[in-house]
Amino acid sequence: MQIDFTRPLLAIDTSTSYLSLALSAGNQIFSRHLEAGNRQSEWILPQIQELFAEAGIGAADLAAIVYAQGPGAFTGLRIGIGVAQGLAAPFDTPLIGIPCLDAVAFQIQADCVLAATDARMGEVFYAWFDTVNHRRLSDAQVGAAAAIKPPAAAKQPQGIGNAFALAEPPPFAGLPDMPTAANYLALAQSGRYPATRADEAALLYVRDKIALTAREQAERKQNSAL
């Protein structure tokens, strides 16, 4: 599916506690990046309408809608894809899913990048990339930060992502920087990510469990107090 990237493009990232939006229209980027907490579903449509008003366009004018595909916050991801599909369906607008770890990794240029983000429950989402040559060096995974191993023959890995702000970060040098919707927009405009029909859009999950049980939470608190 071919996309005309000279036309307006909307990017939605709700994979973290932030509501991040970016709209490319008329050679300008209109954006929002707000700490939303659990109010993403309340704020997202009004904020998108504000962006449309600033750019002087409507949903019918969009060439495509870009969305954060995951892994990330379970509820946030579902809010983002749901809104993207709702805006796209009446106009048969294509959707472009960008894996969240790609957006994290491509903030820096290096031949061995560890993109790692906080997955909660004492774990991180992570994947390895060669961002110079636009290659993934591993699939997206989830696990303990301390257990992450670099690819074979990796030299001087560079890390990026909010996992590097955790009390127990990955065992590599890294920056805690996270992308905004503008980063997702730029990756989509590279043409390296496929567009799909709205009803075919999907999220990327790397674990089924989304929360600790009460017993597991109590055990973790007890262990951390020892």
C-alpha atoms as a PDB file:
ATOM      1  CA  MET A   1       0.000   0.000   0.000  1.00  0.00           C
ATOM      2  CA  GLN A   2       1.584   3.244  -1.168  1.00  0.00           C
ATOM      3  CA  ILE A   3       1.331   6.379   0.971  1.00  0.00           C
ATOM      4  CA  ASP A   4       1.615   9.925  -0.340  1.00  0.00           C
ATOM      5  CA  PHE A   5       3.823  11.454   2.352  1.00  0.00           C
ATOM      6  CA  THR A   6       3.331  14.936   0.944  1.00  0.00           C
ATOM      7  CA  ARG A   7      -0.196  14.835   2.404  1.00  0.00           C
ATOM      8  CA  PRO A   8      -0.986  15.270   6.130  1.00  0.00           C
ATOM      9  CA  LEU A   9       0.056  12.516   8.507  1.00  0.00           C
ATOM     10  CA  LEU A  10      -0.996  12.048  12.148  1.00  0.00           C
ATOM     11  CA  ALA A  11       1.092  10.104  14.696  1.00  0.00           C
ATOM     12  CA  ILE A  12      -0.278   8.820  18.018  1.00  0.00           C
ATOM     13  CA  ASP A  13       1.883   7.467  20.850  1.00  0.00           C
ATOM     14  CA  THR A  14       0.081   6.338  24.006  1.00  0.00           C
ATOM     15  CA  SER A  15       2.546   3.602  24.934  1.00  0.00           C
ATOM     16  CA  THR A  16       3.652   5.344  28.165  1.00  0.00           C
ATOM     17  CA  SER A  17       1.985   7.646  30.689  1.00  0.00           C
ATOM     18  CA  TYR A  18       2.371  10.480  28.156  1.00  0.00           C
ATOM     19  CA  LEU A  19      -0.113  11.442  25.486  1.00  0.00           C
ATOM     20  CA  SER A  20       2.082  12.265  22.520  1.00  0.00           C
ATOM     21  CA  LEU A  21       0.697  13.471  19.182  1.00  0.00           C
ATOM     22  CA  ALA A  22       2.305  14.871  16.046  1.00  0.00           C
ATOM     23  CA  LEU A  23       0.656  16.132  12.879  1.00  0.00           C
ATOM     24  CA  SER A  24       2.570  16.833   9.690  1.00  0.00           C
ATOM     25  CA  ALA A  25       0.695  19.243   7.415  1.00  0.00           C
ATOM     26  CA  GLY A  26       1.753  21.974   5.015  1.00  0.00           C
ATOM     27  CA  ASN A  27       5.479  21.532   5.731  1.00  0.00           C
ATOM     28  CA  GLN A  28       4.851  22.079   9.449  1.00  0.00           C
ATOM     29  CA  ILE A  29       4.755  19.798  12.485  1.00  0.00           C
ATOM     30  CA  PHE A  30       2.025  20.437  15.057  1.00  0.00           C
ATOM     31  CA  SER A  31       2.503  18.495  18.279  1.00  0.00           C
ATOM     32  CA  ARG A  32       1.417  17.735  21.827  1.00  0.00           C
ATOM     33  CA  HIS A  33       3.386  15.860  24.500  1.00  0.00           C
ATOM     34  CA  LEU A  34       1.523  15.789  27.804  1.00  0.00           C
ATOM     35  CA  GLU A  35       1.878  13.801  31.020  1.00  0.00           C
ATOM     36  CA  ALA A  36      -1.607  12.271  30.974  1.00  0.00           C
ATOM     37  CA  GLY A  37      -1.435   9.452  33.525  1.00  0.00           C
ATOM     38  CA  ASN A  38      -4.773   7.632  33.381  1.00  0.00           C
ATOM     39  CA  ARG A  39      -6.477  10.465  31.456  1.00  0.00           C
ATOM     40  CA  GLN A  40      -5.274   9.532  27.977  1.00  0.00           C
ATOM     41  CA  SER A  41      -8.714   8.362  26.873  1.00  0.00           C
ATOM     42  CA  GLU A  42     -10.241  11.630  28.107  1.00  0.00           C
ATOM     43  CA  TRP A  43      -7.702  13.933  26.464  1.00  0.00           C
ATOM     44  CA  ILE A  44      -6.757  12.252  23.221  1.00  0.00           C
ATOM     45  CA  LEU A  45      -9.655  13.250  20.937  1.00  0.00           C
ATOM     46  CA  PRO A  46      -9.849  16.888  22.116  1.00  0.00           C
ATOM     47  CA  GLN A  47      -6.083  17.241  21.640  1.00  0.00           C
ATOM     48  CA  ILE A  48      -6.278  15.758  18.138  1.00  0.00           C
ATOM     49  CA  GLN A  49      -9.113  18.135  17.278  1.00  0.00           C
ATOM     50  CA  GLU A  50      -6.942  21.042  18.470  1.00  0.00           C
ATOM     51  CA  LEU A  51      -4.123  19.906  16.166  1.00  0.00           C
ATOM     52  CA  PHE A  52      -6.524  19.630  13.221  1.00  0.00           C
ATOM     53  CA  ALA A  53      -7.785  23.150  13.942  1.00  0.00           C
ATOM     54  CA  GLU A  54      -4.249  24.554  14.119  1.00  0.00           C
ATOM     55  CA  ALA A  55      -3.340  22.917  10.809  1.00  0.00           C
ATOM     56  CA  GLY A  56      -6.644  23.788   9.142  1.00  0.00           C
ATOM     57  CA  ILE A  57      -7.429  20.193   8.163  1.00  0.00           C
ATOM     58  CA  GLY A  58      -9.739  17.348   9.167  1.00  0.00           C
ATOM     59  CA  ALA A  59      -9.460  13.583   9.533  1.00  0.00           C
ATOM     60  CA  ALA A  60     -10.557  13.131   5.908  1.00  0.00           C
ATOM     61  CA  ASP A  61      -7.397  14.912   4.749  1.00  0.00           C
ATOM     62  CA  LEU A  62      -4.967  12.442   6.311  1.00  0.00           C
ATOM     63  CA  ALA A  63      -2.840  10.250   4.057  1.00  0.00           C
ATOM     64  CA  ALA A  64      -2.265   7.823   6.945  1.00  0.00           C
ATOM     65  CA  ILE A  65      -2.328   7.539  10.716  1.00  0.00           C
ATOM     66  CA  VAL A  66       0.780   6.332  12.538  1.00  0.00           C
ATOM     67  CA  TYR A  67       0.389   4.521  15.852  1.00  0.00           C
ATOM     68  CA  ALA A  68       2.678   3.082  18.527  1.00  0.00           C
ATOM     69  CA  GLN A  69       2.464  -0.669  18.035  1.00  0.00           C
ATOM     70  CA  GLY A  70       4.064  -1.869  21.272  1.00  0.00           C
ATOM     71  CA  PRO A  71       5.427  -3.237  23.426  1.00  0.00           C
ATOM     72  CA  GLY A  72       4.336  -0.719  26.036  1.00  0.00           C
ATOM     73  CA  ALA A  73       1.575   0.097  28.494  1.00  0.00           C
ATOM     74  CA  PHE A  74      -1.266  -2.348  27.769  1.00  0.00           C
ATOM     75  CA  THR A  75      -4.177   0.065  28.274  1.00  0.00           C
ATOM     76  CA  GLY A  76      -2.409   2.977  26.592  1.00  0.00           C
ATOM     77  CA  LEU A  77      -1.628   0.980  23.466  1.00  0.00           C
ATOM     78  CA  ARG A  78      -5.249  -0.102  23.154  1.00  0.00           C
ATOM     79  CA  ILE A  79      -6.426   3.503  23.509  1.00  0.00           C
ATOM     80  CA  GLY A  80      -4.054   4.631  20.770  1.00  0.00           C
ATOM     81  CA  ILE A  81      -4.937   1.967  18.222  1.00  0.00           C
ATOM     82  CA  GLY A  82      -8.640   2.308  18.993  1.00  0.00           C
ATOM     83  CA  VAL A  83      -8.624   6.044  18.303  1.00  0.00           C
ATOM     84  CA  ALA A  84      -6.481   5.551  15.184  1.00  0.00           C
ATOM     85  CA  GLN A  85      -8.915   2.963  13.828  1.00  0.00           C
ATOM     86  CA  GLY A  86     -11.908   5.135  14.697  1.00  0.00           C
ATOM     87  CA  LEU A  87     -10.486   8.124  12.823  1.00  0.00           C
ATOM     88  CA  ALA A  88      -9.373   6.017   9.866  1.00  0.00           C
ATOM     89  CA  ALA A  89     -12.369   3.761   9.235  1.00  0.00           C
ATOM     90  CA  PRO A  90     -14.838   6.328   7.796  1.00  0.00           C
ATOM     91  CA  PHE A  91     -12.315   7.416   5.161  1.00  0.00           C
ATOM     92  CA  ASP A  92     -10.465   4.133   4.505  1.00  0.00           C
ATOM     93  CA  THR A  93      -7.319   5.839   5.791  1.00  0.00           C
ATOM     94  CA  PRO A  94      -4.335   3.450   6.081  1.00  0.00           C
ATOM     95  CA  LEU A  95      -2.593   2.886   9.407  1.00  0.00           C
ATOM     96  CA  ILE A  96       1.162   2.516   9.933  1.00  0.00           C
ATOM     97  CA  GLY A  97       2.275   0.695  13.067  1.00  0.00           C
ATOM     98  CA  ILE A  98       5.726   1.562  14.414  1.00  0.00           C
ATOM     99  CA  PRO A  99       7.193  -0.823  17.016  1.00  0.00           C
ATOM    100  CA  CYS A 100       7.906   1.184  20.156  1.00  0.00           C
ATOM    101  CA  LEU A 101      11.445  -0.129  20.563  1.00  0.00           C
ATOM    102  CA  ASP A 102      12.251   1.015  17.025  1.00  0.00           C
ATOM    103  CA  ALA A 103      11.212   4.553  17.963  1.00  0.00           C
ATOM    104  CA  VAL A 104      13.383   4.344  21.086  1.00  0.00           C
ATOM    105  CA  ALA A 105      16.417   2.957  19.262  1.00  0.00           C
ATOM    106  CA  PHE A 106      16.423   5.370  16.325  1.00  0.00           C
ATOM    107  CA  GLN A 107      16.908   8.360  18.600  1.00  0.00           C
ATOM    108  CA  ILE A 108      20.631   7.610  18.267  1.00  0.00           C
ATOM    109  CA  GLN A 109      22.885   6.373  15.476  1.00  0.00           C
ATOM    110  CA  ALA A 110      25.192   3.456  16.260  1.00  0.00           C
ATOM    111  CA  ASP A 111      25.864  -0.025  14.934  1.00  0.00           C
ATOM    112  CA  CYS A 112      24.869  -1.687  18.216  1.00  0.00           C
ATOM    113  CA  VAL A 113      22.000  -0.055  20.126  1.00  0.00           C
ATOM    114  CA  LEU A 114      20.094  -1.535  23.047  1.00  0.00           C
ATOM    115  CA  ALA A 115      16.595  -0.044  23.227  1.00  0.00           C
ATOM    116  CA  ALA A 116      15.174  -0.795  26.669  1.00  0.00           C
ATOM    117  CA  THR A 117      12.022   0.483  28.360  1.00  0.00           C
ATOM    118  CA  ASP A 118      10.356  -0.027  31.712  1.00  0.00           C
ATOM    119  CA  ALA A 119       7.945  -2.977  31.495  1.00  0.00           C
ATOM    120  CA  ARG A 120       6.970  -2.785  35.196  1.00  0.00           C
ATOM    121  CA  MET A 121       6.885  -5.873  37.420  1.00  0.00           C
ATOM    122  CA  GLY A 122      10.679  -5.741  37.703  1.00  0.00           C
ATOM    123  CA  GLU A 123      11.229  -6.298  33.983  1.00  0.00           C
ATOM    124  CA  VAL A 124      12.143  -4.340  30.868  1.00  0.00           C
ATOM    125  CA  PHE A 125      11.163  -4.547  27.219  1.00  0.00           C
ATOM    126  CA  TYR A 126      14.241  -4.599  25.019  1.00  0.00           C
ATOM    127  CA  ALA A 127      15.690  -5.266  21.573  1.00  0.00           C
ATOM    128  CA  TRP A 128      19.002  -4.758  19.798  1.00  0.00           C
ATOM    129  CA  PHE A 129      19.436  -2.625  16.674  1.00  0.00           C
ATOM    130  CA  ASP A 130      21.975  -1.418  14.147  1.00  0.00           C
ATOM    131  CA  THR A 131      20.492   2.020  13.564  1.00  0.00           C
ATOM    132  CA  VAL A 132      23.213   3.043  11.121  1.00  0.00           C
ATOM    133  CA  ASN A 133      22.150   0.337   8.669  1.00  0.00           C
ATOM    134  CA  HIS A 134      18.501   0.252   9.732  1.00  0.00           C
ATOM    135  CA  ARG A 135      18.591  -3.342  10.968  1.00  0.00           C
ATOM    136  CA  ARG A 136      17.054  -5.140  13.922  1.00  0.00           C
ATOM    137  CA  LEU A 137      19.600  -7.389  15.584  1.00  0.00           C
ATOM    138  CA  SER A 138      17.046  -9.196  17.759  1.00  0.00           C
ATOM    139  CA  ASP A 139      13.346  -9.621  18.316  1.00  0.00           C
ATOM    140  CA  ALA A 140      11.582  -7.634  21.044  1.00  0.00           C
ATOM    141  CA  GLN A 141      11.849  -9.412  24.383  1.00  0.00           C
ATOM    142  CA  VAL A 142      10.915  -8.909  28.027  1.00  0.00           C
ATOM    143  CA  GLY A 143      12.927  -9.888  31.080  1.00  0.00           C
ATOM    144  CA  ALA A 144      15.145  -8.799  33.932  1.00  0.00           C
ATOM    145  CA  ALA A 145      17.485  -5.960  32.988  1.00  0.00           C
ATOM    146  CA  ALA A 146      20.494  -7.689  34.538  1.00  0.00           C
ATOM    147  CA  ALA A 147      19.971 -10.741  32.303  1.00  0.00           C
ATOM    148  CA  ILE A 148      20.250  -8.876  28.983  1.00  0.00           C
ATOM    149  CA  LYS A 149      23.089 -10.172  26.815  1.00  0.00           C
ATOM    150  CA  PRO A 150      24.511  -8.332  23.784  1.00  0.00           C
ATOM    151  CA  PRO A 151      24.523  -9.893  20.311  1.00  0.00           C
ATOM    152  CA  ALA A 152      27.542 -11.958  19.356  1.00  0.00           C
ATOM    153  CA  ALA A 153      30.561  -9.848  18.344  1.00  0.00           C
ATOM    154  CA  ALA A 154      28.879  -6.657  19.591  1.00  0.00           C
ATOM    155  CA  LYS A 155      31.315  -3.807  20.219  1.00  0.00           C
ATOM    156  CA  GLN A 156      30.623  -0.944  22.625  1.00  0.00           C
ATOM    157  CA  PRO A 157      26.824  -1.264  22.874  1.00  0.00           C
ATOM    158  CA  GLN A 158      24.988   2.010  23.392  1.00  0.00           C
ATOM    159  CA  GLY A 159      21.756   2.028  25.373  1.00  0.00           C
ATOM    160  CA  ILE A 160      18.693   4.231  25.122  1.00  0.00           C
ATOM    161  CA  GLY A 161      15.297   4.259  26.814  1.00  0.00           C
ATOM    162  CA  ASN A 162      13.715   4.849  30.210  1.00  0.00           C
ATOM    163  CA  ALA A 163      14.952   1.502  31.528  1.00  0.00           C
ATOM    164  CA  PHE A 164      18.252   3.329  32.063  1.00  0.00           C
ATOM    165  CA  ALA A 165      16.555   5.513  34.687  1.00  0.00           C
ATOM    166  CA  LEU A 166      15.505   2.513  36.785  1.00  0.00           C
ATOM    167  CA  ALA A 167      17.122   1.654  40.099  1.00  0.00           C
ATOM    168  CA  GLU A 168      18.403  -1.528  38.439  1.00  0.00           C
ATOM    169  CA  PRO A 169      19.108  -0.560  34.807  1.00  0.00           C
ATOM    170  CA  PRO A 170      20.553  -2.780  32.075  1.00  0.00           C
ATOM    171  CA  PRO A 171      24.299  -3.462  32.572  1.00  0.00           C
ATOM    172  CA  PHE A 172      25.388  -1.162  29.739  1.00  0.00           C
ATOM    173  CA  ALA A 173      25.982   2.576  29.361  1.00  0.00           C
ATOM    174  CA  GLY A 174      22.790   4.302  28.254  1.00  0.00           C
ATOM    175  CA  LEU A 175      20.631   7.399  28.183  1.00  0.00           C
ATOM    176  CA  PRO A 176      17.083   7.453  29.606  1.00  0.00           C
ATOM    177  CA  ASP A 177      15.682   9.399  26.638  1.00  0.00           C
ATOM    178  CA  MET A 178      12.292   8.423  25.225  1.00  0.00           C
ATOM    179  CA  PRO A 179      10.786   9.303  21.848  1.00  0.00           C
ATOM    180  CA  THR A 180       7.765  11.485  21.161  1.00  0.00           C
ATOM    181  CA  ALA A 181       5.128  11.111  18.468  1.00  0.00           C
ATOM    182  CA  ALA A 182       7.364  13.201  16.205  1.00  0.00           C
ATOM    183  CA  ASN A 183       9.900  10.355  16.225  1.00  0.00           C
ATOM    184  CA  TYR A 184       7.167   7.905  15.171  1.00  0.00           C
ATOM    185  CA  LEU A 185       6.151  10.317  12.423  1.00  0.00           C
ATOM    186  CA  ALA A 186       9.727  10.508  11.091  1.00  0.00           C
ATOM    187  CA  LEU A 187      10.092   6.722  11.047  1.00  0.00           C
ATOM    188  CA  ALA A 188       6.813   6.330   9.160  1.00  0.00           C
ATOM    189  CA  GLN A 189       7.933   8.925   6.607  1.00  0.00           C
ATOM    190  CA  SER A 190      11.048   6.826   5.940  1.00  0.00           C
ATOM    191  CA  GLY A 191       8.790   4.394   4.068  1.00  0.00           C
ATOM    192  CA  ARG A 192      10.334   1.380   5.805  1.00  0.00           C
ATOM    193  CA  TYR A 193       7.186   0.411   7.697  1.00  0.00           C
ATOM    194  CA  PRO A 194       4.171  -1.107   5.925  1.00  0.00           C
ATOM    195  CA  ALA A 195       0.741   0.477   5.857  1.00  0.00           C
ATOM    196  CA  THR A 196      -2.364  -1.615   6.469  1.00  0.00           C
ATOM    197  CA  ARG A 197      -6.100  -1.244   6.409  1.00  0.00           C
ATOM    198  CA  ALA A 198      -7.518   0.034   9.701  1.00  0.00           C
ATOM    199  CA  ASP A 199      -9.282  -3.265  10.414  1.00  0.00           C
ATOM    200  CA  GLU A 200      -6.024  -5.177   9.894  1.00  0.00           C
ATOM    201  CA  ALA A 201      -3.937  -3.054  12.281  1.00  0.00           C
ATOM    202  CA  ALA A 202      -2.504  -4.951  15.244  1.00  0.00           C
ATOM    203  CA  LEU A 203      -0.496  -4.411  18.407  1.00  0.00           C
ATOM    204  CA  LEU A 204       2.819  -6.014  19.323  1.00  0.00           C
ATOM    205  CA  TYR A 205       2.780  -7.855  22.648  1.00  0.00           C
ATOM    206  CA  VAL A 206       5.789  -9.697  24.053  1.00  0.00           C
ATOM    207  CA  ARG A 207       4.177 -11.002  27.236  1.00  0.00           C
ATOM    208  CA  ASP A 208       0.695 -12.106  28.210  1.00  0.00           C
ATOM    209  CA  LYS A 209       0.804 -11.143  31.870  1.00  0.00           C
ATOM    210  CA  ILE A 210       0.028  -7.454  32.473  1.00  0.00           C
ATOM    211  CA  ALA A 211      -0.068  -7.231  36.283  1.00  0.00           C
ATOM    212  CA  LEU A 212       1.208  -8.943  39.406  1.00  0.00           C
ATOM    213  CA  THR A 213      -1.231 -10.801  41.624  1.00  0.00           C
ATOM    214  CA  ALA A 214      -1.801  -9.492  45.157  1.00  0.00           C
ATOM    215  CA  ARG A 215       0.318 -12.346  46.496  1.00  0.00           C
ATOM    216  CA  GLU A 216       3.172 -11.568  44.095  1.00  0.00           C
ATOM    217  CA  GLN A 217       3.035  -7.886  45.031  1.00  0.00           C
ATOM    218  CA  ALA A 218       3.219  -8.763  48.743  1.00  0.00           C
ATOM    219  CA  GLU A 219       6.146 -11.139  48.171  1.00  0.00           C
ATOM    220  CA  ARG A 220       8.013  -8.503  46.166  1.00  0.00           C
ATOM    221  CA  LYS A 221       7.521  -5.895  48.900  1.00  0.00           C
ATOM    222  CA  GLN A 222       8.716  -8.383  51.503  1.00  0.00           C
ATOM    223  CA  ASN A 223      11.826  -9.291  49.472  1.00  0.00           C
ATOM    224  CA  SER A 224      12.676  -5.637  48.815  1.00  0.00           C
ATOM    225  CA  ALA A 225      12.547  -4.926  52.550  1.00  0.00           C
ATOM    226  CA  LEU A 226      15.125  -7.625  53.352  1.00  0.00           C
END
